């Protein structure tokens, strides 16, 4: 069963209309939109860039650990990747992908 949900999302005091797709979610479409929003193909004026043409801080390809905050933590806690009762946790990108696949197939 596909549910069409219509609601509002408020960010920085502005309410935006939000709704679910009529035919359910699509991981492929979501990834395409995320890549577009992050501008991963943007020109890089520096030696190394992350996304949007922004310098990556100089760490290069050798980063063993990536420290992410905010919604990365919140979403990982919401879907059971990390323990929400702990102030920090460890996750791998594949865990986020697997959670997205599960959400899109539910």
Protein backbone atom coordinates (compact mmCIF):
# COMPACT_ATOMS: atom_id res chain seq x y z
CA UNK A 1 0.00 0.00 0.00
CA UNK A 2 1.34 3.44 -0.93
CA UNK A 3 0.35 6.35 1.26
CA UNK A 4 0.32 9.88 -0.05
CA UNK A 5 1.30 12.17 2.79
CA UNK A 6 0.90 15.93 2.54
CA UNK A 7 2.29 18.15 5.24
CA UNK A 8 4.63 21.07 5.92
CA UNK A 9 8.29 21.16 6.83
CA UNK A 10 9.47 24.20 8.76
CA UNK A 11 13.06 25.34 8.46
CA UNK A 12 14.45 28.59 9.80
CA UNK A 13 10.95 29.91 10.42
CA UNK A 14 9.73 29.23 6.87
CA UNK A 15 7.09 26.53 6.22
CA UNK A 16 7.52 24.52 3.03
CA UNK A 17 4.92 22.20 1.50
CA UNK A 18 6.07 18.61 1.54
CA UNK A 19 4.48 15.44 0.24
CA UNK A 20 5.38 11.86 -0.52
CA UNK A 21 5.48 10.69 -4.13
CA UNK A 22 2.21 9.18 -5.39
CA UNK A 23 3.98 6.02 -6.53
CA UNK A 24 6.22 5.54 -3.50
CA UNK A 25 9.81 6.45 -2.87
CA UNK A 26 12.72 5.89 -5.24
CA UNK A 27 16.25 5.47 -3.96
CA UNK A 28 17.60 6.13 -7.46
CA UNK A 29 15.74 9.45 -7.75
CA UNK A 30 16.78 10.42 -4.22
CA UNK A 31 20.45 9.74 -4.99
CA UNK A 32 20.20 11.72 -8.23
CA UNK A 33 18.72 14.71 -6.39
CA UNK A 34 21.31 14.46 -3.59
CA UNK A 35 24.18 14.45 -6.09
CA UNK A 36 22.67 17.46 -7.85
CA UNK A 37 22.20 19.34 -4.55
CA UNK A 38 25.78 18.57 -3.43
CA UNK A 39 27.17 19.63 -6.82
CA UNK A 40 29.68 16.78 -6.83
CA UNK A 41 30.65 17.53 -10.43
CA UNK A 42 31.34 21.23 -9.72
CA UNK A 43 34.70 22.60 -10.90
CA UNK A 44 37.41 22.45 -8.24
CA UNK A 45 39.89 25.34 -8.03
CA UNK A 46 41.92 23.49 -5.39
CA UNK A 47 44.05 20.36 -5.36
CA UNK A 48 41.32 18.28 -3.67
CA UNK A 49 37.61 19.05 -3.29
CA UNK A 50 34.75 17.36 -1.52
CA UNK A 51 31.61 18.67 -3.22
CA UNK A 52 30.37 21.97 -4.58
CA UNK A 53 33.94 22.91 -5.54
CA UNK A 54 34.84 23.30 -1.85
CA UNK A 55 38.34 22.46 -0.61
CA UNK A 56 38.36 19.29 1.47
CA UNK A 57 40.70 20.62 4.14
CA UNK A 58 43.83 18.99 2.79
CA UNK A 59 43.34 15.51 4.22
CA UNK A 60 43.43 13.99 0.77
CA UNK A 61 42.62 10.41 -0.04
CA UNK A 62 44.14 9.05 3.15
CA UNK A 63 41.31 9.81 5.56
CA UNK A 64 40.75 6.71 7.65
CA UNK A 65 37.89 8.20 9.64
CA UNK A 66 35.35 10.80 8.64
CA UNK A 67 33.65 12.71 11.41
CA UNK A 68 30.06 13.64 10.61
CA UNK A 69 27.59 15.45 12.80
CA UNK A 70 24.02 16.64 13.09
CA UNK A 71 21.58 14.74 10.91
CA UNK A 72 24.09 11.99 10.15
CA UNK A 73 23.96 11.15 13.86
CA UNK A 74 20.21 11.74 14.16
CA UNK A 75 19.31 9.53 11.21
CA UNK A 76 21.73 6.80 12.25
CA UNK A 77 20.11 6.78 15.68
CA UNK A 78 16.57 6.80 14.22
CA UNK A 79 17.15 3.75 12.04
CA UNK A 80 19.18 1.75 14.56
CA UNK A 81 22.65 2.10 13.06
CA UNK A 82 23.98 3.57 16.31
CA UNK A 83 22.74 3.59 19.90
CA UNK A 84 20.63 6.75 20.43
CA UNK A 85 21.46 6.69 24.15
CA UNK A 86 25.16 7.27 23.49
CA UNK A 87 26.63 10.69 22.58
CA UNK A 88 28.51 9.29 19.58
CA UNK A 89 28.75 6.21 17.42
CA UNK A 90 30.50 4.61 14.46
CA UNK A 91 28.84 3.89 11.15
CA UNK A 92 29.84 2.95 7.64
CA UNK A 93 28.35 4.54 4.51
CA UNK A 94 26.96 1.16 3.45
CA UNK A 95 24.79 1.15 6.59
CA UNK A 96 23.11 4.37 5.46
CA UNK A 97 22.61 2.94 1.97
CA UNK A 98 21.06 -0.25 3.39
CA UNK A 99 18.74 1.79 5.62
CA UNK A 100 17.69 3.90 2.62
CA UNK A 101 16.98 0.77 0.57
CA UNK A 102 14.86 -0.64 3.40
CA UNK A 103 12.93 2.63 3.77
CA UNK A 104 12.30 2.84 0.03
CA UNK A 105 11.00 -0.73 -0.09
CA UNK A 106 8.68 -0.35 2.89
